[in-house]
Amino acid sequence: MQTRPLIEALTDVRARIASAAGRGNRDPNAVTLVTVTKGHPPSAIEAALEAGLRDLGENRLGELQERVKQFPSGDIRWHMVGRLQRRKAPAVRGVAHLLHSLDSLKLAERLERTADPGEPPVRALIQVNVTGERAKTGFAPEELDEDMERLLELGTLRLEGLMTMAPFTEDEGVLRRTFRTLRQLNDSLRARFPEYLGEELSMGMSNDFEIAVEEGSTMVRIGTALLGERPE
């Protein structure tokens, strides 16, 4: 991918984030742009780095590990945004700057059991399946309400907020309700559990990030709108 088309796309995306933040009476600088490089060649990552992007996301742990080897620069913040299988979970340590997909208590406990003494905690966002779609993993809102106390007992995790994926729809009402529900759940958890950080809301992708920003997103995960369609 050429740097110039990416810079043009990046200018457009940042302008849309700024406009959405304005509509929500928010500071656009409070929104982190995570560029999802899943399926794109190394040249796309090179272009992203040339454009000044440093928060990059991958969906699969194996691909993330490979990317870290290919691009060992210490100023890149790699995000694990896809599902993390429990049997592979320990390998995320030291690779991901932030895990967006802590989707079950069993996964959290697996990370706890496999941590070596003195290791820094895994920075993680709790994935919430707000709409209850069967194809998606994550805590149901009521489950999270019940399991939060246990999650906070796990000293090898640093729970920094919540993540969700909205249904793939053009229905603005559905999208807005999904994002608003996550924000309200996060507010409720922060009020009930003072030890819960809850500073991040990872919500919004290429098709819906403007609504997500209006509703309080602090991280948007953008792939197609920046890098185009993934190669076959």
Protein backbone atom coordinates (compact mmCIF):
# COMPACT_ATOMS: atom_id res chain seq x y z
CA MET A 1 0.00 0.00 0.00
CA GLN A 2 1.26 3.48 -0.84
CA THR A 3 1.71 6.00 1.96
CA ARG A 4 -0.12 8.84 0.17
CA PRO A 5 -3.53 7.06 -0.16
CA LEU A 6 -3.27 6.04 3.50
CA ILE A 7 -2.52 9.61 4.57
CA GLU A 8 -5.59 10.79 2.64
CA ALA A 9 -7.73 8.11 4.29
CA LEU A 10 -6.23 8.93 7.69
CA THR A 11 -7.02 12.64 7.26
CA ASP A 12 -10.63 11.73 6.47
CA VAL A 13 -10.97 9.32 9.42
CA ARG A 14 -9.47 11.79 11.87
CA ALA A 15 -11.78 14.54 10.62
CA ARG A 16 -14.77 12.25 11.11
CA ILE A 17 -13.61 11.36 14.62
CA ALA A 18 -13.23 15.06 15.44
CA SER A 19 -16.71 15.86 14.11
CA ALA A 20 -18.27 12.99 16.03
CA ALA A 21 -16.45 14.02 19.21
CA GLY A 22 -17.76 17.56 18.74
CA ARG A 23 -21.32 16.29 18.45
CA GLY A 24 -20.80 14.38 21.68
CA ASN A 25 -19.18 17.35 23.44
CA ARG A 26 -15.95 15.39 23.73
CA ASP A 27 -12.26 16.01 23.12
CA PRO A 28 -11.21 14.15 19.94
CA ASN A 29 -7.76 13.66 21.49
CA ALA A 30 -9.43 11.36 24.01
CA VAL A 31 -10.07 8.82 21.23
CA THR A 32 -7.26 6.39 20.34
CA LEU A 33 -7.19 5.20 16.75
CA VAL A 34 -6.20 1.53 16.53
CA THR A 35 -5.30 0.55 12.96
CA VAL A 36 -6.33 -3.07 12.36
CA THR A 37 -3.77 -4.64 10.04
CA LYS A 38 -5.35 -8.11 9.90
CA GLY A 39 -4.76 -9.76 6.55
CA HIS A 40 -2.74 -6.91 5.10
CA PRO A 41 0.83 -7.32 3.82
CA PRO A 42 3.87 -5.89 5.61
CA SER A 43 3.88 -2.98 3.16
CA ALA A 44 0.60 -1.77 4.68
CA ILE A 45 2.17 -1.73 8.13
CA GLU A 46 5.18 0.13 6.77
CA ALA A 47 2.82 2.72 5.28
CA ALA A 48 0.94 3.01 8.58
CA LEU A 49 4.18 3.59 10.47
CA GLU A 50 5.32 6.12 7.87
CA ALA A 51 2.03 7.96 8.42
CA GLY A 52 2.73 8.17 12.15
CA LEU A 53 0.33 5.47 13.32
CA ARG A 54 1.62 3.52 16.30
CA ASP A 55 -1.41 1.65 17.70
CA LEU A 56 -1.80 -1.42 15.50
CA GLY A 57 -4.20 -4.34 15.96
CA GLU A 58 -4.30 -7.99 14.96
CA ASN A 59 -7.11 -10.54 15.24
CA ARG A 60 -5.10 -13.74 15.66
CA LEU A 61 -2.38 -14.41 18.18
CA GLY A 62 -0.11 -16.23 15.72
CA GLU A 63 -0.24 -13.34 13.29
CA LEU A 64 0.36 -10.87 16.10
CA GLN A 65 3.46 -12.77 17.19
CA GLU A 66 4.74 -12.75 13.62
CA ARG A 67 4.11 -9.01 13.25
CA VAL A 68 6.03 -8.27 16.44
CA LYS A 69 8.99 -10.19 15.04
CA GLN A 70 8.77 -8.38 11.69
CA PHE A 71 8.43 -4.95 13.30
CA PRO A 72 10.36 -5.02 16.58
CA SER A 73 10.30 -1.25 17.13
CA GLY A 74 9.61 -0.47 20.77
CA ASP A 75 7.33 2.47 19.99
CA ILE A 76 4.63 0.31 18.35
CA ARG A 77 1.70 -0.55 20.61
CA TRP A 78 0.27 -3.86 19.41
CA HIS A 79 -3.36 -4.60 20.27
CA MET A 80 -4.88 -8.09 20.33
CA VAL A 81 -8.41 -7.35 19.12
CA GLY A 82 -9.61 -10.84 18.13
CA ARG A 83 -10.64 -13.87 20.13
CA LEU A 84 -7.92 -15.42 22.29
CA GLN A 85 -8.12 -19.19 22.66
CA ARG A 86 -7.58 -20.38 26.22
CA ARG A 87 -4.93 -22.94 25.33
CA LYS A 88 -2.84 -20.24 23.62
CA ALA A 89 -3.62 -17.51 26.13
CA PRO A 90 -0.29 -17.41 28.04
CA ALA A 91 1.56 -16.42 24.84
CA VAL A 92 -0.21 -13.07 24.76
CA ARG A 93 1.98 -11.90 27.65
CA GLY A 94 4.77 -9.64 26.54
CA VAL A 95 3.36 -9.48 23.01
CA ALA A 96 0.17 -7.42 23.25
CA HIS A 97 0.21 -3.92 24.64
CA LEU A 98 -3.52 -4.35 25.29
CA LEU A 99 -5.86 -7.34 25.04
CA HIS A 100 -9.29 -6.18 23.86
CA SER A 101 -11.01 -9.58 24.07
CA LEU A 102 -11.07 -10.94 27.61
CA ASP A 103 -14.33 -12.73 26.91
CA SER A 104 -14.84 -15.19 29.78
CA LEU A 105 -14.03 -15.90 33.39
CA LYS A 106 -12.33 -19.14 32.30
CA LEU A 107 -9.94 -17.20 30.06
CA ALA A 108 -9.18 -14.76 32.86
CA GLU A 109 -8.46 -17.60 35.28
CA ARG A 110 -6.25 -19.33 32.70
CA LEU A 111 -4.16 -16.16 32.40
CA GLU A 112 -3.97 -15.98 36.18
CA ARG A 113 -2.83 -19.60 36.60
CA THR A 114 -0.11 -19.39 33.97
CA ALA A 115 1.51 -16.16 35.13
CA ASP A 116 5.06 -16.41 36.44
CA PRO A 117 5.87 -14.66 39.73
CA GLY A 118 6.84 -11.06 39.22
CA GLU A 119 5.46 -10.79 35.68
CA PRO A 120 3.69 -7.52 34.91
CA PRO A 121 -0.09 -7.84 34.68
CA VAL A 122 -1.84 -8.30 31.36
CA ARG A 123 -3.57 -5.07 30.41
CA ALA A 124 -7.02 -6.11 29.26
CA LEU A 125 -10.48 -4.96 28.26
CA ILE A 126 -13.47 -7.10 29.13
CA GLN A 127 -15.44 -8.10 26.06
CA VAL A 128 -19.20 -7.71 26.49
CA ASN A 129 -21.75 -9.28 24.15
CA VAL A 130 -24.25 -6.48 24.61
CA THR A 131 -26.83 -7.74 22.10
CA GLY A 132 -26.56 -11.45 22.93
CA GLU A 133 -25.67 -12.53 19.39
CA ARG A 134 -24.83 -16.23 19.32
CA ALA A 135 -22.00 -15.75 16.84
CA LYS A 136 -20.14 -13.48 19.26
CA THR A 137 -18.33 -14.29 22.46
CA GLY A 138 -18.15 -12.15 25.56
CA PHE A 139 -19.82 -11.66 28.90
CA ALA A 140 -23.51 -10.96 28.91
CA PRO A 141 -24.05 -7.71 30.83
CA GLU A 142 -25.76 -9.55 33.70
CA GLU A 143 -22.95 -12.14 33.86
CA LEU A 144 -20.33 -9.44 34.10
CA ASP A 145 -22.23 -7.82 36.90
CA GLU A 146 -22.01 -11.13 38.79
CA ASP A 147 -18.41 -12.03 37.85
CA MET A 148 -16.75 -8.65 38.30
CA GLU A 149 -15.76 -9.23 41.90
CA ARG A 150 -13.97 -12.44 40.93
CA LEU A 151 -12.26 -10.80 37.95
CA LEU A 152 -10.91 -8.06 40.18
CA GLU A 153 -9.39 -10.66 42.50
CA LEU A 154 -7.06 -11.84 39.72
CA GLY A 155 -3.90 -9.89 40.44
CA THR A 156 -2.19 -10.72 37.14
CA LEU A 157 -4.80 -8.79 35.15
CA ARG A 158 -5.15 -5.03 34.86
CA LEU A 159 -8.75 -4.42 33.80
CA GLU A 160 -8.78 -1.10 32.00
CA GLY A 161 -12.29 -1.04 30.56
CA LEU A 162 -14.77 -2.74 28.26
CA MET A 163 -15.02 -3.71 24.60
CA THR A 164 -17.94 -4.62 22.38
CA MET A 165 -18.77 -5.26 18.75
CA ALA A 166 -22.08 -3.88 17.53
CA PRO A 167 -24.28 -5.81 15.09
CA PHE A 168 -23.39 -5.26 11.44
CA THR A 169 -26.33 -3.07 10.54
CA GLU A 170 -27.14 0.34 9.13
CA ASP A 171 -29.82 0.83 11.80
CA GLU A 172 -28.44 3.79 13.73
CA GLY A 173 -30.82 3.15 16.62
CA VAL A 174 -29.45 -0.36 17.16
CA LEU A 175 -25.86 0.84 16.98
CA ARG A 176 -26.45 3.74 19.33
CA ARG A 177 -28.24 1.55 21.89
CA THR A 178 -25.41 -0.98 21.80
CA PHE A 179 -22.70 1.59 22.47
CA ARG A 180 -24.74 3.49 25.02
CA THR A 181 -25.48 0.29 26.93
CA LEU A 182 -21.76 -0.50 27.16
CA ARG A 183 -20.97 3.00 28.42
CA GLN A 184 -23.73 2.84 31.03
CA LEU A 185 -22.56 -0.59 32.15
CA ASN A 186 -19.02 0.74 32.53
CA ASP A 187 -20.26 3.70 34.56
CA SER A 188 -22.21 1.34 36.82
CA LEU A 189 -19.20 -0.93 37.37
CA ARG A 190 -16.94 2.00 38.20
CA ALA A 191 -19.45 3.23 40.77
CA ARG A 192 -19.75 -0.20 42.40
CA PHE A 193 -16.09 -1.24 42.27
CA PRO A 194 -13.67 1.59 43.11
CA GLU A 195 -10.68 -0.64 42.30
CA TYR A 196 -11.89 -1.09 38.72
CA LEU A 197 -10.08 1.33 36.39
CA GLY A 198 -12.70 1.41 33.64
CA GLU A 199 -11.03 4.23 31.71
CA GLU A 200 -11.31 2.68 28.23
CA LEU A 201 -14.26 1.85 26.00
CA SER A 202 -13.16 0.04 22.85
CA MET A 203 -16.12 0.31 20.50
CA GLY A 204 -16.55 1.31 16.90
CA MET A 205 -15.15 -0.04 13.65
CA SER A 206 -15.01 1.23 10.06
CA ASN A 207 -18.78 1.11 9.55
CA ASP A 208 -19.94 2.60 12.85
CA PHE A 209 -17.09 4.45 14.59
CA GLU A 210 -18.70 7.89 14.40
CA ILE A 211 -21.72 6.77 16.41
CA ALA A 212 -19.40 5.00 18.83
CA VAL A 213 -17.40 8.19 19.40
CA GLU A 214 -20.59 10.17 19.96
CA GLU A 215 -21.57 7.61 22.61
CA GLY A 216 -18.26 7.70 24.48
CA SER A 217 -15.77 5.41 22.76
CA THR A 218 -12.14 5.98 23.76
CA MET A 219 -10.74 3.49 21.21
CA VAL A 220 -11.92 2.81 17.67
CA ARG A 221 -10.65 -0.21 15.73
CA ILE A 222 -10.33 0.81 12.09
CA GLY A 223 -9.14 -1.41 9.24
CA THR A 224 -10.97 -1.03 5.95
CA ALA A 225 -11.53 2.73 6.21
CA LEU A 226 -7.76 3.22 6.46
CA LEU A 227 -6.13 0.35 4.60
CA GLY A 228 -8.87 -0.65 2.19
CA GLU A 229 -10.23 -4.13 1.64
CA ARG A 230 -7.95 -6.99 2.63
CA PRO A 231 -6.22 -8.73 -0.27
CA GLU A 232 -7.64 -12.09 -1.29
